[in-house]
Protein backbone atom coordinates (compact mmCIF):
# COMPACT_ATOMS: atom_id res chain seq x y z
CA MET A 1 124.56 -17.63 52.91
CA THR A 2 120.89 -17.79 53.40
CA ASP A 3 117.99 -17.23 50.87
CA TYR A 4 115.89 -14.85 51.22
CA HIS A 5 112.44 -13.70 50.01
CA HIS A 6 112.51 -10.17 49.46
CA LEU A 7 116.34 -9.39 50.45
CA ARG A 8 119.87 -9.33 47.81
CA ILE A 9 122.84 -9.53 50.26
CA GLU A 10 126.08 -8.92 48.60
CA ARG A 11 129.23 -8.95 51.07
CA ASP A 12 132.60 -7.31 49.62
CA ALA A 13 136.43 -8.30 50.50
CA GLY A 14 136.67 -4.69 51.83
CA GLY A 15 133.72 -5.49 54.43
CA LEU A 16 131.01 -3.67 52.89
CA THR A 17 127.94 -5.54 52.88
CA ARG A 18 125.02 -4.15 51.07
CA VAL A 19 121.55 -5.23 52.55
CA THR A 20 118.74 -4.70 49.43
CA PHE A 21 115.26 -4.48 50.08
CA ALA A 22 113.94 -6.09 46.44
CA ARG A 23 109.82 -6.69 47.28
CA PRO A 24 108.05 -4.52 44.41
CA PRO A 25 106.06 -2.47 43.78
CA ALA A 26 107.08 -0.67 47.32
CA ASN A 27 108.32 -3.31 49.72
CA ALA A 28 105.73 -3.87 51.79
CA LEU A 29 106.00 -5.28 54.83
CA ASN A 30 104.75 -9.18 54.81
CA SER A 31 105.27 -12.11 57.29
CA GLN A 32 107.90 -13.09 54.52
CA VAL A 33 109.95 -9.39 55.19
CA ILE A 34 109.44 -10.09 58.59
CA ASP A 35 111.68 -13.17 58.41
CA ASP A 36 113.87 -11.95 56.02
CA VAL A 37 115.06 -9.18 58.32
CA GLN A 38 115.26 -11.53 61.51
CA ARG A 39 117.33 -14.07 59.65
CA CYS A 40 119.89 -11.43 57.89
CA ALA A 41 120.09 -9.61 61.03
CA GLU A 42 120.65 -13.23 63.42
CA GLU A 43 123.28 -14.11 60.30
CA LEU A 44 125.19 -10.22 60.61
CA ILE A 45 124.91 -10.56 64.40
CA ALA A 46 126.86 -14.28 64.46
CA ASP A 47 128.97 -13.37 61.30
CA SER A 48 129.47 -9.71 61.55
CA PRO A 49 131.15 -7.29 58.29
CA ARG A 50 132.84 -4.40 59.16
CA VAL A 51 129.47 -1.88 58.09
CA VAL A 52 125.98 -2.01 56.60
CA VAL A 53 124.49 -0.26 54.38
CA LEU A 54 120.27 -1.41 54.13
CA ALA A 55 118.85 0.22 50.88
CA SER A 56 116.24 -0.60 48.34
CA ALA A 57 115.78 -2.08 44.36
CA ALA A 58 112.41 -0.43 44.30
CA PRO A 59 111.64 3.67 44.18
CA MET A 60 111.03 3.50 47.61
CA PHE A 61 112.97 2.23 50.84
CA MET A 62 109.45 0.84 52.21
CA ALA A 63 105.74 2.13 52.23
CA GLY A 64 104.79 0.54 55.25
CA ALA A 65 103.05 -3.05 56.28
CA ASP A 66 100.79 -4.77 53.31
CA LEU A 67 97.67 -3.91 54.74
CA THR A 68 96.47 -6.75 52.95
CA MET A 69 98.17 -9.13 55.79
CA VAL A 70 96.55 -7.29 58.37
CA ASN A 71 92.89 -7.31 57.16
CA ALA A 72 93.62 -11.29 57.06
CA GLY A 73 95.47 -11.55 60.30
CA TRP A 74 93.06 -10.23 62.87
CA ASP A 75 93.58 -13.34 65.18
CA GLU A 76 97.31 -13.53 64.72
CA LEU A 77 97.82 -9.65 65.19
CA ARG A 78 99.66 -9.87 68.48
CA ALA A 79 101.75 -12.88 67.07
CA THR A 80 102.38 -11.07 64.15
CA ILE A 81 103.32 -7.35 65.81
CA GLY A 82 105.57 -9.62 68.88
CA ARG A 83 107.54 -11.17 65.41
CA PHE A 84 108.14 -7.77 63.97
CA GLN A 85 109.56 -6.08 67.11
CA ARG A 86 111.57 -8.63 67.38
CA ALA A 87 112.64 -8.47 63.57
CA VAL A 88 113.21 -5.18 63.98
CA ASN A 89 115.15 -5.36 68.22
CA THR A 90 117.60 -8.24 66.66
CA TRP A 91 118.47 -5.76 63.79
CA GLU A 92 119.29 -2.96 66.17
CA GLN A 93 121.85 -5.11 67.83
CA VAL A 94 123.73 -6.03 64.65
CA PRO A 95 127.84 -5.09 66.11
CA CYS A 96 128.65 -3.21 63.19
CA PRO A 97 127.34 0.25 61.99
CA THR A 98 124.29 0.29 59.94
CA ILE A 99 123.23 3.43 57.52
CA ALA A 100 119.76 3.26 55.82
CA SER A 101 120.11 4.37 52.27
CA ILE A 102 116.55 5.65 52.00
CA ASN A 103 115.70 6.58 48.04
CA GLY A 104 112.06 7.28 48.62
CA HIS A 105 109.09 6.47 51.17
CA ALA A 106 110.35 5.25 54.55
CA LEU A 107 106.01 5.09 55.99
CA GLY A 108 105.25 3.65 58.86
CA ALA A 109 107.65 0.15 58.74
CA GLY A 110 109.89 1.41 56.48
CA CYS A 111 110.65 4.38 59.33
CA GLU A 112 110.54 1.92 62.32
CA ILE A 113 113.32 0.03 60.15
CA ALA A 114 115.43 2.79 59.46
CA LEU A 115 115.13 3.72 62.75
CA ALA A 116 117.22 0.91 64.10
CA CYS A 117 119.84 1.22 61.91
CA ASP A 118 122.44 4.00 63.06
CA PHE A 119 122.38 6.09 60.19
CA ARG A 120 119.76 7.61 58.15
CA ILE A 121 120.58 9.11 54.54
CA MET A 122 117.74 10.30 53.08
CA ALA A 123 116.77 11.52 48.97
CA ARG A 124 115.82 15.21 48.76
CA GLY A 125 112.63 15.23 46.43
CA LYS A 126 109.65 13.26 46.78
CA ALA A 127 110.10 10.76 49.63
CA ARG A 128 108.80 10.95 52.88
CA ILE A 129 109.06 9.55 56.05
CA GLY A 130 106.72 9.66 58.95
CA LEU A 131 104.23 7.00 60.92
CA PRO A 132 100.74 7.73 59.23
CA GLU A 133 98.89 4.42 60.88
CA VAL A 134 96.99 6.51 62.72
CA ARG A 135 95.49 7.57 59.13
CA ARG A 136 93.91 3.73 59.39
CA GLY A 137 93.09 3.17 62.83
CA LEU A 138 96.31 1.85 63.98
CA ILE A 139 99.62 2.41 65.34
CA ALA A 140 103.38 2.64 64.82
CA ALA A 141 102.87 -1.17 66.77
CA GLY A 142 107.03 -2.23 65.22
CA GLY A 143 109.04 0.13 68.25
CA GLY A 144 107.93 3.68 66.07
CA THR A 145 106.28 5.36 69.28
CA GLN A 146 109.01 4.00 71.58
CA ARG A 147 111.94 5.10 69.25
CA THR A 148 110.92 7.92 68.18
CA VAL A 149 110.24 9.46 71.48
CA ARG A 150 113.93 8.26 72.81
CA LEU A 151 115.16 9.18 69.23
CA LEU A 152 113.10 13.05 69.39
CA GLY A 153 111.20 13.87 73.12
CA ARG A 154 107.69 12.97 73.48
CA THR A 155 107.07 16.83 71.57
CA HIS A 156 108.04 15.41 68.42
CA ALA A 157 107.03 11.99 68.90
CA LEU A 158 103.59 12.78 69.56
CA ASN A 159 103.01 15.21 66.63
CA LEU A 160 104.88 12.65 64.49
CA ALA A 161 101.99 9.62 65.84
CA LEU A 162 99.16 11.29 66.86
CA ARG A 163 98.63 13.29 63.51
CA GLY A 164 100.56 10.60 60.98
CA LEU A 165 102.66 12.78 59.75
CA MET A 166 105.62 12.36 56.97
CA PHE A 167 108.12 15.05 56.34
CA ASP A 168 110.44 15.61 53.37
CA ALA A 169 114.00 14.79 54.11
CA ASP A 170 114.90 18.22 55.39
CA ARG A 171 112.32 18.42 57.42
CA ALA A 172 112.96 15.02 59.12
CA GLU A 173 117.14 16.47 59.15
CA GLN A 174 115.69 19.33 61.13
CA ILE A 175 114.22 17.64 64.15
CA GLY A 176 116.62 14.64 63.78
CA LEU A 177 114.34 11.74 62.22
CA ILE A 178 117.09 11.13 60.17
CA THR A 179 120.74 12.09 60.03
CA GLU A 180 121.66 13.99 56.96
CA ALA A 181 119.49 14.70 53.95
CA VAL A 182 121.14 15.09 50.34
CA ASP A 183 120.06 15.44 46.65
CA ALA A 184 118.69 12.35 44.99
CA ASP A 185 121.71 13.12 42.85
CA ASP A 186 124.36 12.83 45.90
CA LEU A 187 122.70 10.05 47.94
CA GLU A 188 124.63 6.53 46.61
CA PRO A 189 128.05 8.54 46.55
CA VAL A 190 126.58 10.05 50.08
CA THR A 191 126.09 7.13 51.53
CA GLN A 192 129.29 5.86 50.28
CA ALA A 193 131.67 7.75 51.95
CA LEU A 194 130.14 7.44 55.12
CA ALA A 195 131.07 3.36 54.75
CA ASP A 196 134.07 4.45 53.36
CA GLU A 197 135.07 6.65 57.30
CA LEU A 198 133.43 3.91 59.15
CA LEU A 199 135.40 0.89 57.22
CA GLY A 200 138.50 2.90 58.63
CA LEU A 201 137.83 3.22 62.19
CA PRO A 202 138.30 0.39 64.48
CA THR A 203 135.22 -2.29 64.29
CA LEU A 204 135.66 -3.31 68.09
CA THR A 205 135.52 0.45 69.43
CA MET A 206 132.25 1.13 67.40
CA ALA A 207 130.54 -2.27 68.59
CA ALA A 208 131.65 -1.06 72.23
CA ILE A 209 130.17 2.44 71.92
CA LYS A 210 126.99 0.80 70.20
CA ARG A 211 126.96 -0.95 73.05
CA CYS A 212 127.09 1.64 75.61
CA ILE A 213 123.99 3.36 73.51
CA ASN A 214 122.28 1.02 73.33
CA GLU A 215 122.12 -0.42 76.27
CA GLY A 216 122.65 2.29 78.49
CA GLY A 217 120.82 4.72 77.23
CA ASP A 218 117.65 3.96 79.15
CA LEU A 219 119.41 3.27 82.05
CA ASP A 220 119.99 5.69 85.39
CA LEU A 221 123.84 7.53 84.57
CA ALA A 222 125.19 5.41 87.60
CA ALA A 223 123.98 2.42 85.54
CA GLY A 224 124.80 3.94 82.30
CA LEU A 225 128.59 4.60 83.73
CA ALA A 226 129.27 1.04 84.40
CA ILE A 227 128.46 -0.06 80.69
CA GLU A 228 131.42 2.53 79.95
CA GLN A 229 133.32 0.80 82.40
CA ARG A 230 132.83 -2.26 81.51
CA GLU A 231 133.27 -1.51 77.64
CA MET A 232 136.76 0.42 77.66
CA SER A 233 138.10 -2.38 80.13
CA ALA A 234 137.46 -4.75 77.65
CA LEU A 235 138.74 -2.32 75.09
CA GLY A 236 142.30 -2.00 77.14
CA ALA A 237 143.30 -5.46 75.81
CA THR A 238 142.29 -5.34 72.49
CA GLU A 239 144.94 -4.91 69.21
CA ASP A 240 143.60 -1.87 68.20
CA THR A 241 142.69 0.09 70.73
CA ARG A 242 146.30 -0.06 71.69
CA GLU A 243 147.24 0.68 68.55
CA GLY A 244 145.64 3.42 68.41
CA VAL A 245 147.39 4.51 71.37
CA ARG A 246 150.25 3.98 70.18
CA ALA A 247 150.06 6.00 66.76
CA PHE A 248 149.47 9.11 68.35
CA VAL A 249 152.53 8.57 70.56
CA GLU A 250 154.48 8.01 67.74
CA LYS A 251 152.97 10.35 65.82
CA ARG A 252 151.38 8.42 62.76
CA GLU A 253 148.57 6.82 61.76
CA PRO A 254 146.84 3.54 63.37
CA GLN A 255 146.80 0.47 61.18
CA PHE A 256 143.99 -1.00 62.21
CA VAL A 257 143.63 -4.70 61.98
CA GLY A 258 139.86 -5.70 63.93
CA ARG A 259 141.50 -7.21 67.15
């Protein structure tokens, strides 16, 4: 297991891995956090669990970039942005489902990392999610402008980024920025319930679905359909896909084994 500066990694025997930001008080993104996210994503790709939960040990998910790092590193700005973009892109490529469990503010870089997760469950209350960079003369250059326009459309993406808006959980759910808003006391049980649901589904199929959506979402329809054909054809040779169909025919619950 890799040693990390500001992440804690816990794997259980059932296939759930919990990745926890631990850079108090606000998990502000610095060079070490970027490296941690990159290396952790690479580890999860090389040895994928069945489900990943990304959470925080601090009272907030991530308050954004450490602006002391930015202020001290103008000459390295392009390289720093490139490193952060690569880390977020690599996280998005983790083959199993990923869940961001957002307990507090997810702003700027925190929002961008959450957007690279497949599910975002956010606590109601004081927590806000958004892209406030414009208020400091910055842009959300870790994928924020690009993932929001793809996820939300131009109207919401421009409203969010140009005004530096920060939404509460209910408003974020309303526009599709998060998957679900929950009461603070329900954040952990709802996250665990979703993880348990995903743990019961076939891992190879979920990985194929992620590739279809992530690779095909920005292509034309014909190219996207070709990816679907490729992935479904490959799944047809797997034990779990055949078991799923066989179980339906035999009127029983499937027993997936991850092959």
